[in-house]
Amino acid sequence: TGQDCNLWYSHWQEIYGELTNFKWITIMGNHDWGNSDPWALCSWNNPRKTINGTTYAADQLNKDKGGCNPQNYYMPDFAYYYTINELQFEIIGLDENASDCPNGLGGNGPNGGSSELFKDCGYSTSVGCGWLNKFT
C-alpha cells in the first residue's frame, strides 16, 4: 500500500523486468494512497516541494515534485496532460480516487492500509478525501 523510496526495485523493476526500460505513463490508484507513502495525501503537513503554492510529498511523483520514482516511471502530478506528437497521441492523467475515499484507499481504508495516511491528515477522512476531490 503506497510506495516508499526503498521499494522501487522489488515492487517495480524486479517484477516487470525489461518492461521498465520503457516509459510508463502513470497515475495513482487506490492502493497507491497507503501507509508506505503517508505524506502523499496531506502534503501541507510535511512538504518536500512547494510549487506555485501547491505542496507535494508523494514518493511516486517525478523528482521535480519531490518524488523518488525511477526515470522511466512518469507521473508529473496527480492530474496532467501528456502528448507524443509523432504518434498524434494524447493522454489525460486524472486521479479519480475521491470516489473510493476513504474506505478503498490503501486497499482497505483508514482502519487498515491507509491508517497512517489519514493520521497525517489529523485523522480526518473529510480533510483527506476533500483534498482528493480537487482532481475530479
N, C-alpha and C. Protein backbone atom coordinates (compact mmCIF):
# COMPACT_ATOMS: atom_id res chain seq x y z
N THR A 1 0.85 -1.19 0.00
CA THR A 1 0.00 0.00 0.00
C THR A 1 0.88 1.24 0.00
N GLY A 2 0.88 1.91 -1.08
CA GLY A 2 1.77 3.05 -1.24
C GLY A 2 3.14 2.62 -1.70
N GLN A 3 4.06 3.55 -1.76
CA GLN A 3 5.41 3.26 -2.22
C GLN A 3 6.37 4.10 -1.41
N ASP A 4 7.34 3.45 -0.81
CA ASP A 4 8.40 4.27 -0.23
C ASP A 4 9.61 4.17 -1.14
N CYS A 5 10.55 5.02 -0.95
CA CYS A 5 11.66 5.13 -1.89
C CYS A 5 12.57 3.91 -1.92
N ASN A 6 12.42 3.01 -0.98
CA ASN A 6 13.24 1.80 -0.94
C ASN A 6 12.62 0.63 -1.68
N LEU A 7 11.40 0.76 -2.15
CA LEU A 7 10.69 -0.38 -2.73
C LEU A 7 10.67 -0.41 -4.25
N TRP A 8 11.24 0.58 -4.92
CA TRP A 8 11.14 0.62 -6.37
C TRP A 8 11.70 -0.63 -7.04
N TYR A 9 12.82 -1.10 -6.59
CA TYR A 9 13.41 -2.26 -7.24
C TYR A 9 12.54 -3.50 -7.04
N SER A 10 12.20 -3.81 -5.80
CA SER A 10 11.46 -5.05 -5.54
C SER A 10 10.01 -4.99 -5.97
N HIS A 11 9.40 -3.80 -5.99
CA HIS A 11 7.99 -3.69 -6.32
C HIS A 11 7.72 -3.26 -7.75
N TRP A 12 8.74 -2.91 -8.49
CA TRP A 12 8.51 -2.47 -9.87
C TRP A 12 9.53 -3.10 -10.81
N GLN A 13 10.80 -2.78 -10.65
CA GLN A 13 11.81 -3.26 -11.60
C GLN A 13 11.98 -4.77 -11.56
N GLU A 14 11.99 -5.36 -10.39
CA GLU A 14 12.16 -6.80 -10.29
C GLU A 14 10.96 -7.55 -10.86
N ILE A 15 9.78 -7.01 -10.67
CA ILE A 15 8.56 -7.66 -11.15
C ILE A 15 8.41 -7.52 -12.67
N TYR A 16 8.62 -6.32 -13.20
CA TYR A 16 8.35 -6.06 -14.62
C TYR A 16 9.58 -6.15 -15.50
N GLY A 17 10.76 -6.31 -14.92
CA GLY A 17 11.99 -6.57 -15.67
C GLY A 17 12.26 -5.61 -16.80
N GLU A 18 12.45 -6.17 -18.00
CA GLU A 18 12.82 -5.37 -19.17
C GLU A 18 11.76 -4.34 -19.56
N LEU A 19 10.53 -4.56 -19.16
CA LEU A 19 9.48 -3.58 -19.48
C LEU A 19 9.74 -2.23 -18.82
N THR A 20 10.54 -2.22 -17.74
CA THR A 20 10.84 -0.95 -17.08
C THR A 20 11.85 -0.12 -17.85
N ASN A 21 12.37 -0.67 -18.96
CA ASN A 21 13.26 0.11 -19.84
C ASN A 21 12.47 1.11 -20.68
N PHE A 22 11.16 0.95 -20.72
CA PHE A 22 10.29 1.83 -21.50
C PHE A 22 9.59 2.81 -20.55
N LYS A 23 9.17 3.94 -21.08
CA LYS A 23 8.49 4.94 -20.26
C LYS A 23 7.10 4.43 -19.85
N TRP A 24 6.80 4.50 -18.58
CA TRP A 24 5.49 4.19 -18.04
C TRP A 24 4.81 5.52 -17.73
N ILE A 25 3.65 5.74 -18.28
CA ILE A 25 2.88 6.95 -18.04
C ILE A 25 1.80 6.56 -17.03
N THR A 26 1.88 7.10 -15.82
CA THR A 26 1.11 6.54 -14.70
C THR A 26 0.23 7.57 -14.01
N ILE A 27 -0.64 7.04 -13.17
CA ILE A 27 -1.49 7.86 -12.29
C ILE A 27 -1.71 7.02 -11.03
N MET A 28 -2.02 7.66 -9.92
CA MET A 28 -2.20 6.94 -8.66
C MET A 28 -3.47 6.08 -8.70
N GLY A 29 -3.37 4.88 -8.16
CA GLY A 29 -4.52 4.02 -7.95
C GLY A 29 -4.84 3.98 -6.46
N ASN A 30 -5.95 3.36 -6.08
CA ASN A 30 -6.36 3.41 -4.68
C ASN A 30 -5.34 2.79 -3.74
N HIS A 31 -4.62 1.75 -4.16
CA HIS A 31 -3.62 1.13 -3.29
C HIS A 31 -2.37 2.00 -3.17
N ASP A 32 -2.17 2.94 -4.09
CA ASP A 32 -1.02 3.84 -4.02
C ASP A 32 -1.15 4.86 -2.90
N TRP A 33 -2.38 5.13 -2.49
CA TRP A 33 -2.63 6.05 -1.37
C TRP A 33 -2.62 5.23 -0.09
N GLY A 34 -1.41 4.86 0.38
CA GLY A 34 -1.34 3.98 1.54
C GLY A 34 -0.24 4.32 2.51
N ASN A 35 -0.08 3.46 3.49
CA ASN A 35 0.82 3.69 4.61
C ASN A 35 2.28 3.82 4.23
N SER A 36 2.70 3.23 3.10
CA SER A 36 4.10 3.34 2.70
C SER A 36 4.45 4.72 2.16
N ASP A 37 3.46 5.53 1.88
CA ASP A 37 3.67 6.89 1.37
C ASP A 37 2.76 7.83 2.16
N PRO A 38 2.97 7.94 3.48
CA PRO A 38 1.99 8.57 4.35
C PRO A 38 1.77 10.07 4.14
N TRP A 39 2.74 10.78 3.58
CA TRP A 39 2.57 12.22 3.41
C TRP A 39 1.99 12.58 2.05
N ALA A 40 1.69 11.61 1.22
CA ALA A 40 1.18 11.89 -0.12
C ALA A 40 -0.14 12.66 -0.08
N LEU A 41 -1.02 12.32 0.83
CA LEU A 41 -2.36 12.90 0.84
C LEU A 41 -2.40 14.31 1.46
N CYS A 42 -1.87 14.48 2.62
CA CYS A 42 -1.91 15.79 3.30
C CYS A 42 -0.51 16.39 3.32
N SER A 43 0.00 16.65 2.15
CA SER A 43 1.39 17.07 1.97
C SER A 43 1.72 18.40 2.65
N TRP A 44 0.73 19.24 2.89
CA TRP A 44 0.99 20.53 3.51
C TRP A 44 1.53 20.39 4.92
N ASN A 45 1.36 19.21 5.54
CA ASN A 45 1.88 18.99 6.89
C ASN A 45 3.37 18.64 6.90
N ASN A 46 3.91 18.23 5.76
CA ASN A 46 5.32 17.85 5.66
C ASN A 46 5.79 17.96 4.21
N PRO A 47 5.72 19.15 3.62
CA PRO A 47 6.02 19.28 2.19
C PRO A 47 7.49 19.07 1.86
N ARG A 48 7.73 18.40 0.73
CA ARG A 48 9.09 18.28 0.20
C ARG A 48 9.34 19.38 -0.82
N LYS A 49 8.29 19.72 -1.55
CA LYS A 49 8.37 20.78 -2.57
C LYS A 49 7.11 21.61 -2.48
N THR A 50 7.25 22.90 -2.75
CA THR A 50 6.11 23.79 -2.90
C THR A 50 6.30 24.51 -4.22
N ILE A 51 5.32 24.36 -5.10
CA ILE A 51 5.39 24.96 -6.43
C ILE A 51 4.12 25.74 -6.66
N ASN A 52 4.25 27.04 -6.86
CA ASN A 52 3.10 27.92 -7.06
C ASN A 52 2.03 27.75 -5.98
N GLY A 53 2.48 27.58 -4.74
CA GLY A 53 1.57 27.47 -3.61
C GLY A 53 1.02 26.08 -3.36
N THR A 54 1.32 25.12 -4.23
CA THR A 54 0.88 23.75 -4.04
C THR A 54 2.00 22.93 -3.43
N THR A 55 1.69 22.19 -2.36
CA THR A 55 2.71 21.38 -1.70
C THR A 55 2.67 19.94 -2.22
N TYR A 56 3.83 19.32 -2.23
CA TYR A 56 3.97 17.95 -2.70
C TYR A 56 4.84 17.14 -1.75
N ALA A 57 4.48 15.87 -1.53
CA ALA A 57 5.29 14.98 -0.69
C ALA A 57 5.08 13.51 -1.05
N ALA A 58 4.58 13.21 -2.23
CA ALA A 58 4.30 11.82 -2.63
C ALA A 58 5.53 11.19 -3.28
N ASP A 59 5.88 9.98 -2.85
CA ASP A 59 7.05 9.27 -3.36
C ASP A 59 6.94 8.92 -4.84
N GLN A 60 5.75 8.71 -5.36
CA GLN A 60 5.61 8.25 -6.74
C GLN A 60 5.66 9.36 -7.79
N LEU A 61 5.66 10.61 -7.34
CA LEU A 61 5.75 11.71 -8.29
C LEU A 61 7.17 11.82 -8.86
N ASN A 62 7.30 12.54 -9.97
CA ASN A 62 8.61 12.81 -10.54
C ASN A 62 9.46 13.58 -9.54
N LYS A 63 10.76 13.49 -9.71
CA LYS A 63 11.71 14.10 -8.76
C LYS A 63 11.54 15.61 -8.61
N ASP A 64 11.12 16.30 -9.67
CA ASP A 64 10.94 17.75 -9.56
C ASP A 64 9.81 18.13 -8.62
N LYS A 65 8.95 17.16 -8.27
CA LYS A 65 7.87 17.39 -7.30
C LYS A 65 8.20 16.74 -5.95
N GLY A 66 9.44 16.28 -5.78
CA GLY A 66 9.86 15.71 -4.50
C GLY A 66 9.73 14.21 -4.42
N GLY A 67 9.32 13.56 -5.50
CA GLY A 67 9.18 12.11 -5.50
C GLY A 67 10.52 11.42 -5.71
N CYS A 68 10.49 10.11 -5.73
CA CYS A 68 11.74 9.33 -5.88
C CYS A 68 11.56 8.23 -6.92
N ASN A 69 10.65 8.42 -7.85
CA ASN A 69 10.41 7.38 -8.84
C ASN A 69 11.57 7.28 -9.83
N PRO A 70 11.74 6.10 -10.46
CA PRO A 70 12.77 5.94 -11.49
C PRO A 70 12.47 6.80 -12.71
N GLN A 71 13.48 7.05 -13.51
CA GLN A 71 13.37 7.94 -14.66
C GLN A 71 12.26 7.51 -15.63
N ASN A 72 12.07 6.23 -15.84
CA ASN A 72 11.07 5.77 -16.81
C ASN A 72 9.67 5.65 -16.24
N TYR A 73 9.47 5.99 -14.99
CA TYR A 73 8.15 5.98 -14.36
C TYR A 73 7.69 7.42 -14.28
N TYR A 74 6.81 7.80 -15.20
CA TYR A 74 6.44 9.20 -15.38
C TYR A 74 5.11 9.51 -14.71
N MET A 75 5.17 10.32 -13.66
CA MET A 75 3.97 10.84 -13.02
C MET A 75 4.28 12.26 -12.54
N PRO A 76 4.04 13.25 -13.40
CA PRO A 76 4.42 14.62 -13.08
C PRO A 76 3.52 15.29 -12.04
N ASP A 77 2.30 14.78 -11.87
CA ASP A 77 1.36 15.37 -10.92
C ASP A 77 0.20 14.39 -10.76
N PHE A 78 -0.77 14.75 -9.95
CA PHE A 78 -1.93 13.88 -9.73
C PHE A 78 -2.95 14.00 -10.85
N ALA A 79 -2.82 15.02 -11.66
CA ALA A 79 -3.63 15.20 -12.86
C ALA A 79 -2.74 15.92 -13.87
N TYR A 80 -2.73 15.45 -15.10
CA TYR A 80 -1.85 16.06 -16.10
C TYR A 80 -2.28 15.69 -17.51
N TYR A 81 -1.68 16.39 -18.47
CA TYR A 81 -1.91 16.18 -19.90
C TYR A 81 -0.56 15.86 -20.52
N TYR A 82 -0.51 14.84 -21.38
CA TYR A 82 0.75 14.39 -21.98
C TYR A 82 0.51 14.09 -23.45
N THR A 83 1.44 14.49 -24.29
CA THR A 83 1.32 14.21 -25.73
C THR A 83 2.59 13.59 -26.28
N ILE A 84 2.42 12.78 -27.30
CA ILE A 84 3.51 12.29 -28.14
C ILE A 84 3.14 12.72 -29.55
N ASN A 85 3.67 13.85 -29.98
CA ASN A 85 3.26 14.46 -31.25
C ASN A 85 3.50 13.55 -32.44
N GLU A 86 4.62 12.82 -32.45
CA GLU A 86 4.95 11.94 -33.58
C GLU A 86 3.90 10.86 -33.79
N LEU A 87 3.22 10.48 -32.74
CA LEU A 87 2.18 9.45 -32.83
C LEU A 87 0.78 10.03 -32.84
N GLN A 88 0.68 11.35 -32.79
CA GLN A 88 -0.61 12.03 -32.64
C GLN A 88 -1.39 11.40 -31.48
N PHE A 89 -0.69 11.31 -30.34
CA PHE A 89 -1.21 10.63 -29.16
C PHE A 89 -1.35 11.62 -28.02
N GLU A 90 -2.49 11.60 -27.35
CA GLU A 90 -2.72 12.44 -26.18
C GLU A 90 -3.25 11.57 -25.05
N ILE A 91 -2.83 11.90 -23.84
CA ILE A 91 -3.38 11.20 -22.68
C ILE A 91 -3.65 12.24 -21.59
N ILE A 92 -4.75 12.06 -20.91
CA ILE A 92 -5.07 12.89 -19.76
C ILE A 92 -5.01 11.98 -18.54
N GLY A 93 -4.08 12.27 -17.66
CA GLY A 93 -3.96 11.51 -16.42
C GLY A 93 -4.78 12.22 -15.35
N LEU A 94 -5.75 11.53 -14.79
CA LEU A 94 -6.65 12.15 -13.82
C LEU A 94 -6.89 11.20 -12.66
N ASP A 95 -6.52 11.60 -11.47
CA ASP A 95 -6.74 10.79 -10.28
C ASP A 95 -8.22 10.84 -9.93
N GLU A 96 -8.87 9.69 -9.91
CA GLU A 96 -10.30 9.60 -9.61
C GLU A 96 -10.55 8.88 -8.28
N ASN A 97 -9.55 8.86 -7.41
CA ASN A 97 -9.67 8.11 -6.16
C ASN A 97 -10.60 8.74 -5.13
N ALA A 98 -11.05 9.96 -5.36
CA ALA A 98 -12.01 10.57 -4.44
C ALA A 98 -13.27 9.71 -4.33
N SER A 99 -13.63 9.04 -5.43
CA SER A 99 -14.83 8.20 -5.41
C SER A 99 -14.63 6.95 -4.56
N ASP A 100 -13.39 6.62 -4.24
CA ASP A 100 -13.06 5.43 -3.45
C ASP A 100 -12.60 5.81 -2.03
N CYS A 101 -12.75 7.07 -1.69
CA CYS A 101 -12.24 7.59 -0.43
C CYS A 101 -13.38 7.71 0.61
N PRO A 102 -13.17 7.25 1.82
CA PRO A 102 -11.92 6.82 2.42
C PRO A 102 -11.70 5.31 2.41
N ASN A 103 -12.75 4.51 2.28
CA ASN A 103 -12.66 3.08 2.58
C ASN A 103 -11.84 2.25 1.59
N GLY A 104 -11.60 2.76 0.38
CA GLY A 104 -10.82 1.99 -0.58
C GLY A 104 -9.36 2.37 -0.63
N LEU A 105 -8.98 3.50 -0.03
CA LEU A 105 -7.58 3.91 -0.08
C LEU A 105 -6.71 2.94 0.70
N GLY A 106 -5.54 2.66 0.15
CA GLY A 106 -4.64 1.71 0.80
C GLY A 106 -5.14 0.28 0.71
N GLY A 107 -6.22 0.06 -0.02
CA GLY A 107 -6.80 -1.27 -0.17
C GLY A 107 -7.95 -1.53 0.77
N ASN A 108 -7.85 -1.06 2.00
CA ASN A 108 -8.94 -1.32 2.95
C ASN A 108 -9.18 -0.17 3.91
N GLY A 109 -8.85 1.04 3.52
CA GLY A 109 -9.29 2.23 4.22
C GLY A 109 -8.51 2.65 5.45
N PRO A 110 -9.07 3.63 6.17
CA PRO A 110 -8.37 4.25 7.29
C PRO A 110 -8.14 3.35 8.50
N ASN A 111 -8.80 2.20 8.55
CA ASN A 111 -8.55 1.25 9.64
C ASN A 111 -7.55 0.18 9.25
N GLY A 112 -6.97 0.30 8.05
CA GLY A 112 -6.02 -0.70 7.57
C GLY A 112 -4.89 -0.07 6.78
N GLY A 113 -4.93 -0.27 5.46
CA GLY A 113 -3.83 0.10 4.58
C GLY A 113 -3.59 1.58 4.40
N SER A 114 -4.49 2.43 4.88
CA SER A 114 -4.25 3.88 4.78
C SER A 114 -4.36 4.57 6.14
N SER A 115 -4.19 3.82 7.22
CA SER A 115 -4.31 4.41 8.56
C SER A 115 -3.27 5.51 8.79
N GLU A 116 -2.04 5.32 8.34
CA GLU A 116 -1.01 6.34 8.50
C GLU A 116 -1.29 7.55 7.62
N LEU A 117 -1.87 7.29 6.46
CA LEU A 117 -2.21 8.37 5.53
C LEU A 117 -3.18 9.34 6.19
N PHE A 118 -4.22 8.83 6.82
CA PHE A 118 -5.20 9.70 7.47
C PHE A 118 -4.70 10.24 8.80
N LYS A 119 -3.79 9.54 9.44
CA LYS A 119 -3.16 10.06 10.67
C LYS A 119 -2.49 11.39 10.36
N ASP A 120 -1.81 11.46 9.21
CA ASP A 120 -1.11 12.67 8.82
C ASP A 120 -2.05 13.77 8.35
N CYS A 121 -3.34 13.45 8.23
CA CYS A 121 -4.37 14.45 7.93
C CYS A 121 -5.14 14.79 9.19
N GLY A 122 -4.55 14.53 10.35
CA GLY A 122 -5.23 14.79 11.61
C GLY A 122 -6.36 13.81 11.87
N TYR A 123 -6.23 12.60 11.33
CA TYR A 123 -7.24 11.54 11.44
C TYR A 123 -8.57 11.94 10.79
N SER A 124 -8.55 12.93 9.95
CA SER A 124 -9.79 13.40 9.32
C SER A 124 -9.92 12.86 7.90
N THR A 125 -10.88 11.95 7.71
CA THR A 125 -11.11 11.46 6.36
C THR A 125 -11.74 12.55 5.49
N SER A 126 -12.49 13.47 6.09
CA SER A 126 -13.10 14.54 5.30
C SER A 126 -12.04 15.49 4.76
N VAL A 127 -10.97 15.74 5.52
CA VAL A 127 -9.88 16.59 5.03
C VAL A 127 -9.16 15.88 3.88
N GLY A 128 -8.76 14.65 4.12
CA GLY A 128 -8.03 13.89 3.09
C GLY A 128 -8.85 13.67 1.83
N CYS A 129 -10.08 13.22 1.99
CA CYS A 129 -10.94 12.98 0.83
C CYS A 129 -11.31 14.29 0.14
N GLY A 130 -11.46 15.34 0.92
CA GLY A 130 -11.75 16.65 0.33
C GLY A 130 -10.63 17.11 -0.57
N TRP A 131 -9.39 16.84 -0.17
CA TRP A 131 -8.24 17.20 -1.00
C TRP A 131 -8.27 16.42 -2.31
N LEU A 132 -8.59 15.12 -2.24
CA LEU A 132 -8.66 14.32 -3.47
C LEU A 132 -9.77 14.81 -4.41
N ASN A 133 -10.81 15.39 -3.87
CA ASN A 133 -11.91 15.87 -4.70
C ASN A 133 -11.49 17.00 -5.63
N LYS A 134 -10.34 17.64 -5.39
CA LYS A 134 -9.86 18.69 -6.28
C LYS A 134 -9.62 18.17 -7.70
N PHE A 135 -9.34 16.88 -7.83
CA PHE A 135 -8.95 16.33 -9.11
C PHE A 135 -10.10 15.78 -9.93
N THR A 136 -11.28 15.69 -9.36
CA THR A 136 -12.39 15.10 -10.11
C THR A 136 -13.19 16.13 -10.86
